[in-house]
C-alpha cells in the first residue's frame, strides 16, 4: 500500500496496487476449479444486467463487467476500457477478501486471451460475454479449465 497527500483536499490517501499479469507464462500453472453453471442462471443474469442502471445502456462506448455468484450480481464496474473494468473487479475482490472460486465474470467485451488470463489470475473459473471470443482465448481457457461462454 502506498500513501500520498492530496494537497487540494488536505487528506492522506491510501493507494493499493494490484498487479494483473498477462501472457501464457502467467497461466500455465493455473488449474481452475470446475464451474457449475445452470443455463437459467445465465438467462437471469443477462436479463438483470441488461436492466442495470449503467452508462453502457445510457450512452454506449463503455464496457461493463459484473462479478456474479450463481444468478446474482455481486458488483458491477464500468470503464471505457474492457481491461480496466476487469481490473476494477480484481480490486474489489482483493479489498473485500471475496473468494473467487465459485464466481462468474460477465463482461461486455470480447473474450480475448488477455481477458482469459486476467480472469484465471483472479481465480474465477467462468468467463461470460455478450460478445464473441478469440481462438487464443479459447485455447487459454482450455489450458486453465475455465468455462468460456460467448455471445450470450
Protein backbone atom coordinates (compact mmCIF):
# COMPACT_ATOMS: atom_id res chain seq x y z
CA UNK A 1 0.00 0.00 0.00
CA UNK A 2 1.27 3.48 -0.86
CA UNK A 3 0.28 6.74 0.77
CA UNK A 4 0.28 10.25 -0.61
CA UNK A 5 -1.05 13.63 0.45
CA UNK A 6 -3.93 15.05 -1.59
CA UNK A 7 -2.94 18.69 -1.16
CA UNK A 8 -6.14 20.06 -2.74
CA UNK A 9 -8.25 18.39 -0.04
CA UNK A 10 -5.54 18.20 2.64
CA UNK A 11 -6.07 14.45 3.11
CA UNK A 12 -3.87 11.38 3.37
CA UNK A 13 -4.85 8.95 0.59
CA UNK A 14 -4.02 5.23 0.58
CA UNK A 15 -3.40 3.52 -2.77
CA UNK A 16 -3.48 -0.24 -3.17
CA UNK A 17 -1.69 -1.55 -6.25
CA UNK A 18 -2.83 -4.86 -7.69
CA UNK A 19 -0.78 -6.49 -10.42
CA UNK A 20 -2.67 -8.17 -13.22
CA UNK A 21 -0.34 -10.27 -15.33
CA UNK A 22 -0.76 -11.07 -18.99
CA UNK A 23 0.79 -13.81 -21.07
CA UNK A 24 0.87 -17.57 -21.29
CA UNK A 25 3.62 -17.87 -18.67
CA UNK A 26 1.29 -16.36 -16.11
CA UNK A 27 -1.38 -19.09 -16.50
CA UNK A 28 0.48 -22.25 -17.40
CA UNK A 29 0.44 -23.38 -13.74
CA UNK A 30 -3.19 -22.42 -13.08
CA UNK A 31 -5.90 -25.09 -12.95
CA UNK A 32 -9.21 -23.54 -12.01
CA UNK A 33 -11.91 -25.43 -10.10
CA UNK A 34 -14.74 -26.88 -12.14
CA UNK A 35 -17.52 -24.36 -12.62
CA UNK A 36 -21.09 -25.48 -12.39
CA UNK A 37 -23.39 -23.13 -14.28
CA UNK A 38 -27.10 -23.52 -14.85
CA UNK A 39 -28.49 -22.16 -18.11
CA UNK A 40 -31.27 -20.49 -16.11
CA UNK A 41 -28.62 -18.50 -14.18
CA UNK A 42 -27.20 -17.17 -17.45
CA UNK A 43 -30.61 -16.06 -18.70
CA UNK A 44 -31.44 -14.45 -15.36
CA UNK A 45 -28.05 -12.69 -15.24
CA UNK A 46 -28.31 -11.42 -18.81
CA UNK A 47 -31.76 -10.01 -18.11
CA UNK A 48 -30.70 -8.38 -14.83
CA UNK A 49 -27.50 -6.95 -16.29
CA UNK A 50 -29.35 -5.53 -19.29
CA UNK A 51 -31.68 -3.70 -16.90
CA UNK A 52 -28.99 -2.34 -14.53
CA UNK A 53 -28.65 1.41 -14.37
CA UNK A 54 -25.41 1.99 -16.26
CA UNK A 55 -23.52 4.31 -18.54
CA UNK A 56 -23.29 1.43 -21.01
CA UNK A 57 -27.05 1.39 -21.52
CA UNK A 58 -27.29 5.18 -21.40
CA UNK A 59 -24.56 6.23 -23.82
CA UNK A 60 -22.72 3.13 -25.08
CA UNK A 61 -18.95 3.18 -25.71
CA UNK A 62 -18.40 1.92 -22.16
CA UNK A 63 -17.51 -1.59 -21.07
CA UNK A 64 -19.24 -3.19 -18.12
CA UNK A 65 -18.03 -6.09 -16.01
CA UNK A 66 -20.15 -7.88 -13.43
CA UNK A 67 -18.92 -10.33 -10.83
CA UNK A 68 -21.65 -12.90 -10.15
CA UNK A 69 -22.34 -15.86 -7.93
CA UNK A 70 -24.90 -18.22 -9.42
CA UNK A 71 -27.67 -15.95 -10.73
CA UNK A 72 -26.87 -12.94 -8.51
CA UNK A 73 -24.76 -9.94 -9.47
CA UNK A 74 -22.33 -9.03 -6.67
CA UNK A 75 -20.63 -5.95 -8.11
CA UNK A 76 -20.83 -4.01 -11.37
CA UNK A 77 -17.90 -1.96 -12.70
CA UNK A 78 -17.64 0.20 -15.83
CA UNK A 79 -14.81 1.80 -17.75
CA UNK A 80 -14.01 2.92 -21.29
CA UNK A 81 -11.55 0.03 -21.48
CA UNK A 82 -12.64 -3.57 -21.02
CA UNK A 83 -9.35 -4.40 -19.28
CA UNK A 84 -9.83 -1.56 -16.80
CA UNK A 85 -13.35 -2.72 -15.96
CA UNK A 86 -11.98 -6.19 -15.18
CA UNK A 87 -9.14 -4.69 -13.13
CA UNK A 88 -11.72 -2.82 -11.04
CA UNK A 89 -13.40 -6.13 -10.24
CA UNK A 90 -9.98 -7.56 -9.30
CA UNK A 91 -9.55 -4.66 -6.90
CA UNK A 92 -12.99 -5.24 -5.41
CA UNK A 93 -12.23 -8.96 -4.93
CA UNK A 94 -8.97 -8.10 -3.20
CA UNK A 95 -10.30 -5.36 -0.92
CA UNK A 96 -13.41 -7.30 0.12
CA UNK A 97 -11.48 -10.57 0.50
CA UNK A 98 -14.14 -12.31 -1.60
CA UNK A 99 -13.30 -15.86 -2.66
CA UNK A 100 -13.31 -16.22 -6.47
CA UNK A 101 -13.69 -19.99 -6.89
CA UNK A 102 -17.49 -20.07 -7.28
CA UNK A 103 -17.87 -16.85 -9.26
CA UNK A 104 -18.77 -15.95 -12.84
CA UNK A 105 -17.29 -12.88 -14.52
CA UNK A 106 -19.65 -11.34 -17.07
CA UNK A 107 -18.27 -8.70 -19.42
CA UNK A 108 -19.46 -6.73 -22.41
CA UNK A 109 -16.07 -7.01 -24.11
CA UNK A 110 -14.60 -9.65 -26.39
CA UNK A 111 -13.17 -12.74 -24.72
CA UNK A 112 -9.57 -12.37 -25.80
CA UNK A 113 -6.54 -14.16 -24.41
CA UNK A 114 -5.85 -11.15 -22.19
CA UNK A 115 -9.31 -11.33 -20.63
CA UNK A 116 -8.92 -15.07 -20.01
CA UNK A 117 -5.51 -14.52 -18.40
CA UNK A 118 -6.86 -11.79 -16.11
CA UNK A 119 -9.80 -13.96 -15.08
CA UNK A 120 -7.56 -17.00 -14.49
CA UNK A 121 -5.14 -14.97 -12.38
CA UNK A 122 -8.07 -13.80 -10.25
CA UNK A 123 -9.09 -17.46 -9.77
CA UNK A 124 -12.51 -17.05 -11.39
CA UNK A 125 -13.45 -20.28 -13.20
CA UNK A 126 -16.13 -18.90 -15.57
CA UNK A 127 -15.98 -16.02 -18.04
CA UNK A 128 -19.08 -14.93 -19.97
CA UNK A 129 -19.71 -12.19 -22.52
CA UNK A 130 -22.38 -10.86 -24.82
CA UNK A 131 -19.52 -10.52 -27.34
CA UNK A 132 -17.55 -13.24 -29.08
CA UNK A 133 -14.23 -14.87 -28.27
CA UNK A 134 -10.89 -15.32 -29.99
CA UNK A 135 -9.21 -18.62 -30.82
CA UNK A 136 -6.31 -17.87 -28.45
CA UNK A 137 -8.78 -17.01 -25.68
CA UNK A 138 -10.44 -20.41 -26.16
CA UNK A 139 -7.06 -22.20 -26.06
CA UNK A 140 -6.02 -20.48 -22.82
CA UNK A 141 -9.42 -21.20 -21.27
CA UNK A 142 -8.96 -24.90 -22.07
CA UNK A 143 -5.45 -24.80 -20.57
CA UNK A 144 -6.75 -23.42 -17.26
CA UNK A 145 -10.02 -25.41 -17.10
CA UNK A 146 -12.03 -22.18 -17.46
CA UNK A 147 -15.62 -22.21 -18.69
CA UNK A 148 -15.88 -19.67 -21.52
CA UNK A 149 -19.27 -18.59 -22.86
CA UNK A 150 -19.60 -16.03 -25.64
CA UNK A 151 -22.48 -14.41 -27.50
CA UNK A 152 -24.85 -14.59 -24.54
